[in-house]
């Protein structure tokens, strides 16, 4: 589970950097949109995985 948590943090940082690259116009809006959509989708998958693992380990109340 620790590796998934680390991957989620790294993905959050990637999204942050993509936003900075867009704001500085290093990336076009089209390039940003494409990469950001993929990054957000991956972030959602990683988050769901971490939550599921935490529930199975009893670290999150399932109510």
PDB file of N, CA and C in Angstrom:
ATOM      1  N   UNK A   1       0.820  -1.185   0.000  1.00  0.00           N
ATOM      2  CA  UNK A   1       0.000   0.000   0.000  1.00  0.00           C
ATOM      3  C   UNK A   1       0.873   1.261   0.000  1.00  0.00           C
ATOM      4  N   UNK A   2       2.000   1.211   0.638  1.00  0.00           N
ATOM      5  CA  UNK A   2       2.877   2.384   0.722  1.00  0.00           C
ATOM      6  C   UNK A   2       3.288   2.862  -0.667  1.00  0.00           C
ATOM      7  N   UNK A   3       3.555   1.945  -1.559  1.00  0.00           N
ATOM      8  CA  UNK A   3       3.984   2.333  -2.914  1.00  0.00           C
ATOM      9  C   UNK A   3       2.848   3.027  -3.662  1.00  0.00           C
ATOM     10  N   UNK A   4       1.619   2.585  -3.437  1.00  0.00           N
ATOM     11  CA  UNK A   4       0.480   3.248  -4.073  1.00  0.00           C
ATOM     12  C   UNK A   4       0.295   4.650  -3.500  1.00  0.00           C
ATOM     13  N   UNK A   5       0.505   4.812  -2.201  1.00  0.00           N
ATOM     14  CA  UNK A   5       0.404   6.135  -1.578  1.00  0.00           C
ATOM     15  C   UNK A   5       1.473   7.071  -2.132  1.00  0.00           C
ATOM     16  N   UNK A   6       2.668   6.556  -2.297  1.00  0.00           N
ATOM     17  CA  UNK A   6       3.751   7.356  -2.879  1.00  0.00           C
ATOM     18  C   UNK A   6       3.414   7.726  -4.325  1.00  0.00           C
ATOM     19  N   UNK A   7       2.894   6.779  -5.081  1.00  0.00           N
ATOM     20  CA  UNK A   7       2.521   7.039  -6.477  1.00  0.00           C
ATOM     21  C   UNK A   7       1.444   8.119  -6.550  1.00  0.00           C
ATOM     22  N   UNK A   8       0.509   8.094  -5.605  1.00  0.00           N
ATOM     23  CA  UNK A   8      -0.556   9.103  -5.583  1.00  0.00           C
ATOM     24  C   UNK A   8       0.036  10.487  -5.305  1.00  0.00           C
ATOM     25  N   UNK A   9       0.964  10.579  -4.380  1.00  0.00           N
ATOM     26  CA  UNK A   9       1.612  11.862  -4.084  1.00  0.00           C
ATOM     27  C   UNK A   9       2.406  12.363  -5.288  1.00  0.00           C
ATOM     28  N   UNK A  10       3.094  11.455  -5.947  1.00  0.00           N
ATOM     29  CA  UNK A  10       3.863  11.826  -7.138  1.00  0.00           C
ATOM     30  C   UNK A  10       2.942  12.312  -8.251  1.00  0.00           C
ATOM     31  N   UNK A  11       1.788  11.681  -8.390  1.00  0.00           N
ATOM     32  CA  UNK A  11       0.838  12.102  -9.423  1.00  0.00           C
ATOM     33  C   UNK A  11       0.283  13.485  -9.100  1.00  0.00           C
ATOM     34  N   UNK A  12       0.041  13.770  -7.827  1.00  0.00           N
ATOM     35  CA  UNK A  12      -0.417  15.114  -7.437  1.00  0.00           C
ATOM     36  C   UNK A  12       0.636  16.155  -7.811  1.00  0.00           C
ATOM     37  N   UNK A  13       1.893  15.819  -7.601  1.00  0.00           N
ATOM     38  CA  UNK A  13       2.967  16.735  -7.964  1.00  0.00           C
ATOM     39  C   UNK A  13       3.040  16.909  -9.488  1.00  0.00           C
ATOM     40  N   UNK A  14       2.845  15.848 -10.218  1.00  0.00           N
ATOM     41  CA  UNK A  14       2.850  15.921 -11.687  1.00  0.00           C
ATOM     42  C   UNK A  14       1.752  16.853 -12.180  1.00  0.00           C
ATOM     43  N   UNK A  15       0.567  16.741 -11.587  1.00  0.00           N
ATOM     44  CA  UNK A  15      -0.549  17.613 -11.970  1.00  0.00           C
ATOM     45  C   UNK A  15      -0.201  19.070 -11.675  1.00  0.00           C
ATOM     46  N   UNK A  16       0.433  19.300 -10.543  1.00  0.00           N
ATOM     47  CA  UNK A  16       0.875  20.650 -10.177  1.00  0.00           C
ATOM     48  C   UNK A  16       1.833  21.200 -11.239  1.00  0.00           C
ATOM     49  N   UNK A  17       2.823  20.407 -11.645  1.00  0.00           N
ATOM     50  CA  UNK A  17       3.801  20.861 -12.630  1.00  0.00           C
ATOM     51  C   UNK A  17       3.170  21.068 -13.999  1.00  0.00           C
ATOM     52  N   UNK A  18       2.221  20.226 -14.365  1.00  0.00           N
ATOM     53  CA  UNK A  18       1.523  20.425 -15.638  1.00  0.00           C
ATOM     54  C   UNK A  18       0.806  21.771 -15.640  1.00  0.00           C
ATOM     55  N   UNK A  19       0.172  22.092 -14.514  1.00  0.00           N
ATOM     56  CA  UNK A  19      -0.518  23.379 -14.411  1.00  0.00           C
ATOM     57  C   UNK A  19       0.469  24.543 -14.534  1.00  0.00           C
ATOM     58  N   UNK A  20       1.623  24.435 -13.894  1.00  0.00           N
ATOM     59  CA  UNK A  20       2.638  25.487 -14.026  1.00  0.00           C
ATOM     60  C   UNK A  20       3.116  25.629 -15.471  1.00  0.00           C
ATOM     61  N   UNK A  21       3.327  24.513 -16.134  1.00  0.00           N
ATOM     62  CA  UNK A  21       3.766  24.553 -17.533  1.00  0.00           C
ATOM     63  C   UNK A  21       2.712  25.197 -18.426  1.00  0.00           C
ATOM     64  N   UNK A  22       1.453  24.967 -18.110  1.00  0.00           N
ATOM     65  CA  UNK A  22       0.382  25.598 -18.889  1.00  0.00           C
ATOM     66  C   UNK A  22       0.356  27.103 -18.624  1.00  0.00           C
ATOM     67  N   UNK A  23       0.463  27.487 -17.357  1.00  0.00           N
ATOM     68  CA  UNK A  23       0.407  28.915 -17.006  1.00  0.00           C
ATOM     69  C   UNK A  23       1.564  29.715 -17.591  1.00  0.00           C
ATOM     70  N   UNK A  24       2.707  29.083 -17.741  1.00  0.00           N
ATOM     71  CA  UNK A  24       3.855  29.771 -18.330  1.00  0.00           C
ATOM     72  C   UNK A  24       3.876  29.645 -19.849  1.00  0.00           C
ATOM     73  N   UNK A  25       2.842  29.034 -20.390  1.00  0.00           N
ATOM     74  CA  UNK A  25       2.671  28.838 -21.832  1.00  0.00           C
ATOM     75  C   UNK A  25       3.762  27.969 -22.446  1.00  0.00           C
ATOM     76  N   UNK A  26       4.388  27.142 -21.623  1.00  0.00           N
ATOM     77  CA  UNK A  26       5.341  26.167 -22.137  1.00  0.00           C
ATOM     78  C   UNK A  26       4.585  25.065 -22.869  1.00  0.00           C
ATOM     79  N   UNK A  27       3.385  24.755 -22.363  1.00  0.00           N
ATOM     80  CA  UNK A  27       2.495  23.784 -23.014  1.00  0.00           C
ATOM     81  C   UNK A  27       1.323  24.530 -23.630  1.00  0.00           C
ATOM     82  N   UNK A  28       0.916  24.090 -24.788  1.00  0.00           N
ATOM     83  CA  UNK A  28      -0.301  24.657 -25.371  1.00  0.00           C
ATOM     84  C   UNK A  28      -1.501  24.121 -24.584  1.00  0.00           C
ATOM     85  N   UNK A  29      -2.623  24.758 -24.777  1.00  0.00           N
ATOM     86  CA  UNK A  29      -3.837  24.300 -24.084  1.00  0.00           C
ATOM     87  C   UNK A  29      -4.187  22.874 -24.488  1.00  0.00           C
ATOM     88  N   UNK A  30      -3.982  22.547 -25.759  1.00  0.00           N
ATOM     89  CA  UNK A  30      -4.275  21.200 -26.250  1.00  0.00           C
ATOM     90  C   UNK A  30      -3.353  20.171 -25.596  1.00  0.00           C
ATOM     91  N   UNK A  31      -2.063  20.473 -25.535  1.00  0.00           N
ATOM     92  CA  UNK A  31      -1.107  19.560 -24.897  1.00  0.00           C
ATOM     93  C   UNK A  31      -1.435  19.375 -23.417  1.00  0.00           C
ATOM     94  N   UNK A  32      -1.716  20.500 -22.751  1.00  0.00           N
ATOM     95  CA  UNK A  32      -2.050  20.436 -21.327  1.00  0.00           C
ATOM     96  C   UNK A  32      -3.294  19.587 -21.099  1.00  0.00           C
ATOM     97  N   UNK A  33      -4.333  19.846 -21.866  1.00  0.00           N
ATOM     98  CA  UNK A  33      -5.594  19.125 -21.677  1.00  0.00           C
ATOM     99  C   UNK A  33      -5.414  17.625 -21.814  1.00  0.00           C
ATOM    100  N   UNK A  34      -4.683  17.220 -22.818  1.00  0.00           N
ATOM    101  CA  UNK A  34      -4.454  15.800 -23.054  1.00  0.00           C
ATOM    102  C   UNK A  34      -3.717  15.149 -21.886  1.00  0.00           C
ATOM    103  N   UNK A  35      -2.605  15.760 -21.484  1.00  0.00           N
ATOM    104  CA  UNK A  35      -1.811  15.184 -20.392  1.00  0.00           C
ATOM    105  C   UNK A  35      -2.533  15.280 -19.058  1.00  0.00           C
ATOM    106  N   UNK A  36      -3.223  16.392 -18.838  1.00  0.00           N
ATOM    107  CA  UNK A  36      -3.915  16.579 -17.562  1.00  0.00           C
ATOM    108  C   UNK A  36      -5.062  15.582 -17.407  1.00  0.00           C
ATOM    109  N   UNK A  37      -5.800  15.330 -18.475  1.00  0.00           N
ATOM    110  CA  UNK A  37      -6.893  14.349 -18.416  1.00  0.00           C
ATOM    111  C   UNK A  37      -6.359  12.976 -18.025  1.00  0.00           C
ATOM    112  N   UNK A  38      -5.255  12.581 -18.629  1.00  0.00           N
ATOM    113  CA  UNK A  38      -4.648  11.288 -18.290  1.00  0.00           C
ATOM    114  C   UNK A  38      -4.160  11.268 -16.843  1.00  0.00           C
ATOM    115  N   UNK A  39      -3.541  12.363 -16.417  1.00  0.00           N
ATOM    116  CA  UNK A  39      -3.012  12.437 -15.053  1.00  0.00           C
ATOM    117  C   UNK A  39      -4.136  12.383 -14.023  1.00  0.00           C
ATOM    118  N   UNK A  40      -5.219  13.096 -14.277  1.00  0.00           N
ATOM    119  CA  UNK A  40      -6.352  13.093 -13.347  1.00  0.00           C
ATOM    120  C   UNK A  40      -6.995  11.706 -13.294  1.00  0.00           C
ATOM    121  N   UNK A  41      -7.114  11.056 -14.442  1.00  0.00           N
ATOM    122  CA  UNK A  41      -7.686   9.702 -14.460  1.00  0.00           C
ATOM    123  C   UNK A  41      -6.805   8.740 -13.662  1.00  0.00           C
ATOM    124  N   UNK A  42      -5.506   8.839 -13.844  1.00  0.00           N
ATOM    125  CA  UNK A  42      -4.591   7.985 -13.089  1.00  0.00           C
ATOM    126  C   UNK A  42      -4.653   8.296 -11.599  1.00  0.00           C
ATOM    127  N   UNK A  43      -4.764   9.573 -11.248  1.00  0.00           N
ATOM    128  CA  UNK A  43      -4.874   9.974  -9.845  1.00  0.00           C
ATOM    129  C   UNK A  43      -6.127   9.363  -9.214  1.00  0.00           C
ATOM    130  N   UNK A  44      -7.228   9.374  -9.936  1.00  0.00           N
ATOM    131  CA  UNK A  44      -8.470   8.784  -9.425  1.00  0.00           C
ATOM    132  C   UNK A  44      -8.307   7.280  -9.205  1.00  0.00           C
ATOM    133  N   UNK A  45      -7.644   6.615 -10.131  1.00  0.00           N
ATOM    134  CA  UNK A  45      -7.420   5.166  -9.975  1.00  0.00           C
ATOM    135  C   UNK A  45      -6.534   4.873  -8.772  1.00  0.00           C
ATOM    136  N   UNK A  46      -5.468   5.643  -8.621  1.00  0.00           N
ATOM    137  CA  UNK A  46      -4.570   5.442  -7.485  1.00  0.00           C
ATOM    138  C   UNK A  46      -5.281   5.721  -6.166  1.00  0.00           C
ATOM    139  N   UNK A  47      -6.077   6.776  -6.132  1.00  0.00           N
ATOM    140  CA  UNK A  47      -6.816   7.110  -4.910  1.00  0.00           C
ATOM    141  C   UNK A  47      -7.810   6.008  -4.550  1.00  0.00           C
ATOM    142  N   UNK A  48      -8.522   5.510  -5.541  1.00  0.00           N
ATOM    143  CA  UNK A  48      -9.482   4.431  -5.289  1.00  0.00           C
ATOM    144  C   UNK A  48      -8.768   3.180  -4.783  1.00  0.00           C
ATOM    145  N   UNK A  49      -7.615   2.895  -5.338  1.00  0.00           N
ATOM    146  CA  UNK A  49      -6.843   1.729  -4.906  1.00  0.00           C
ATOM    147  C   UNK A  49      -6.388   1.884  -3.459  1.00  0.00           C
ATOM    148  N   UNK A  50      -5.879   3.054  -3.111  1.00  0.00           N
ATOM    149  CA  UNK A  50      -5.419   3.291  -1.739  1.00  0.00           C
ATOM    150  C   UNK A  50      -6.586   3.176  -0.764  1.00  0.00           C
ATOM    151  N   UNK A  51      -7.716   3.756  -1.098  1.00  0.00           N
ATOM    152  CA  UNK A  51      -8.886   3.701  -0.215  1.00  0.00           C
ATOM    153  C   UNK A  51      -9.352   2.260  -0.035  1.00  0.00           C
ATOM    154  N   UNK A  52      -9.415   1.510  -1.121  1.00  0.00           N
ATOM    155  CA  UNK A  52      -9.830   0.100  -1.039  1.00  0.00           C
ATOM    156  C   UNK A  52      -8.874  -0.695  -0.165  1.00  0.00           C
ATOM    157  N   UNK A  53      -7.593  -0.481  -0.339  1.00  0.00           N
ATOM    158  CA  UNK A  53      -6.605  -1.204   0.463  1.00  0.00           C
ATOM    159  C   UNK A  53      -6.715  -0.826   1.938  1.00  0.00           C
ATOM    160  N   UNK A  54      -6.946   0.446   2.210  1.00  0.00           N
ATOM    161  CA  UNK A  54      -7.095   0.884   3.596  1.00  0.00           C
ATOM    162  C   UNK A  54      -8.331   0.260   4.238  1.00  0.00           C
ATOM    163  N   UNK A  55      -9.418   0.176   3.485  1.00  0.00           N
ATOM    164  CA  UNK A  55     -10.636  -0.452   4.000  1.00  0.00           C
ATOM    165  C   UNK A  55     -10.385  -1.923   4.321  1.00  0.00           C
ATOM    166  N   UNK A  56      -9.714  -2.600   3.422  1.00  0.00           N
ATOM    167  CA  UNK A  56      -9.440  -4.031   3.637  1.00  0.00           C
ATOM    168  C   UNK A  56      -8.521  -4.268   4.811  1.00  0.00           C
ATOM    169  N   UNK A  57      -7.659  -3.311   5.092  1.00  0.00           N
ATOM    170  CA  UNK A  57      -6.755  -3.427   6.232  1.00  0.00           C
ATOM    171  C   UNK A  57      -7.371  -2.884   7.520  1.00  0.00           C
ATOM    172  N   UNK A  58      -8.602  -2.389   7.416  1.00  0.00           N
ATOM    173  CA  UNK A  58      -9.302  -1.875   8.582  1.00  0.00           C
ATOM    174  C   UNK A  58      -8.840  -0.513   9.033  1.00  0.00           C
ATOM    175  N   UNK A  59      -8.203   0.239   8.157  1.00  0.00           N
ATOM    176  CA  UNK A  59      -7.693   1.557   8.524  1.00  0.00           C
ATOM    177  C   UNK A  59      -8.693   2.669   8.272  1.00  0.00           C
ATOM    178  N   UNK A  60      -9.764   2.342   7.564  1.00  0.00           N
ATOM    179  CA  UNK A  60     -10.824   3.322   7.296  1.00  0.00           C
ATOM    180  C   UNK A  60     -12.144   2.688   7.708  1.00  0.00           C
ATOM    181  N   UNK A  61     -12.965   3.485   8.375  1.00  0.00           N
ATOM    182  CA  UNK A  61     -14.300   3.017   8.757  1.00  0.00           C
ATOM    183  C   UNK A  61     -15.138   2.926   7.488  1.00  0.00           C
ATOM    184  N   UNK A  62     -15.770   1.813   7.263  1.00  0.00           N
ATOM    185  CA  UNK A  62     -16.527   1.559   6.032  1.00  0.00           C
ATOM    186  C   UNK A  62     -17.931   2.161   6.067  1.00  0.00           C
ATOM    187  N   UNK A  63     -18.312   2.850   7.127  1.00  0.00           N
ATOM    188  CA  UNK A  63     -19.665   3.421   7.217  1.00  0.00           C
ATOM    189  C   UNK A  63     -19.801   4.655   6.410  1.00  0.00           C
TER     190      UNK A  63
END
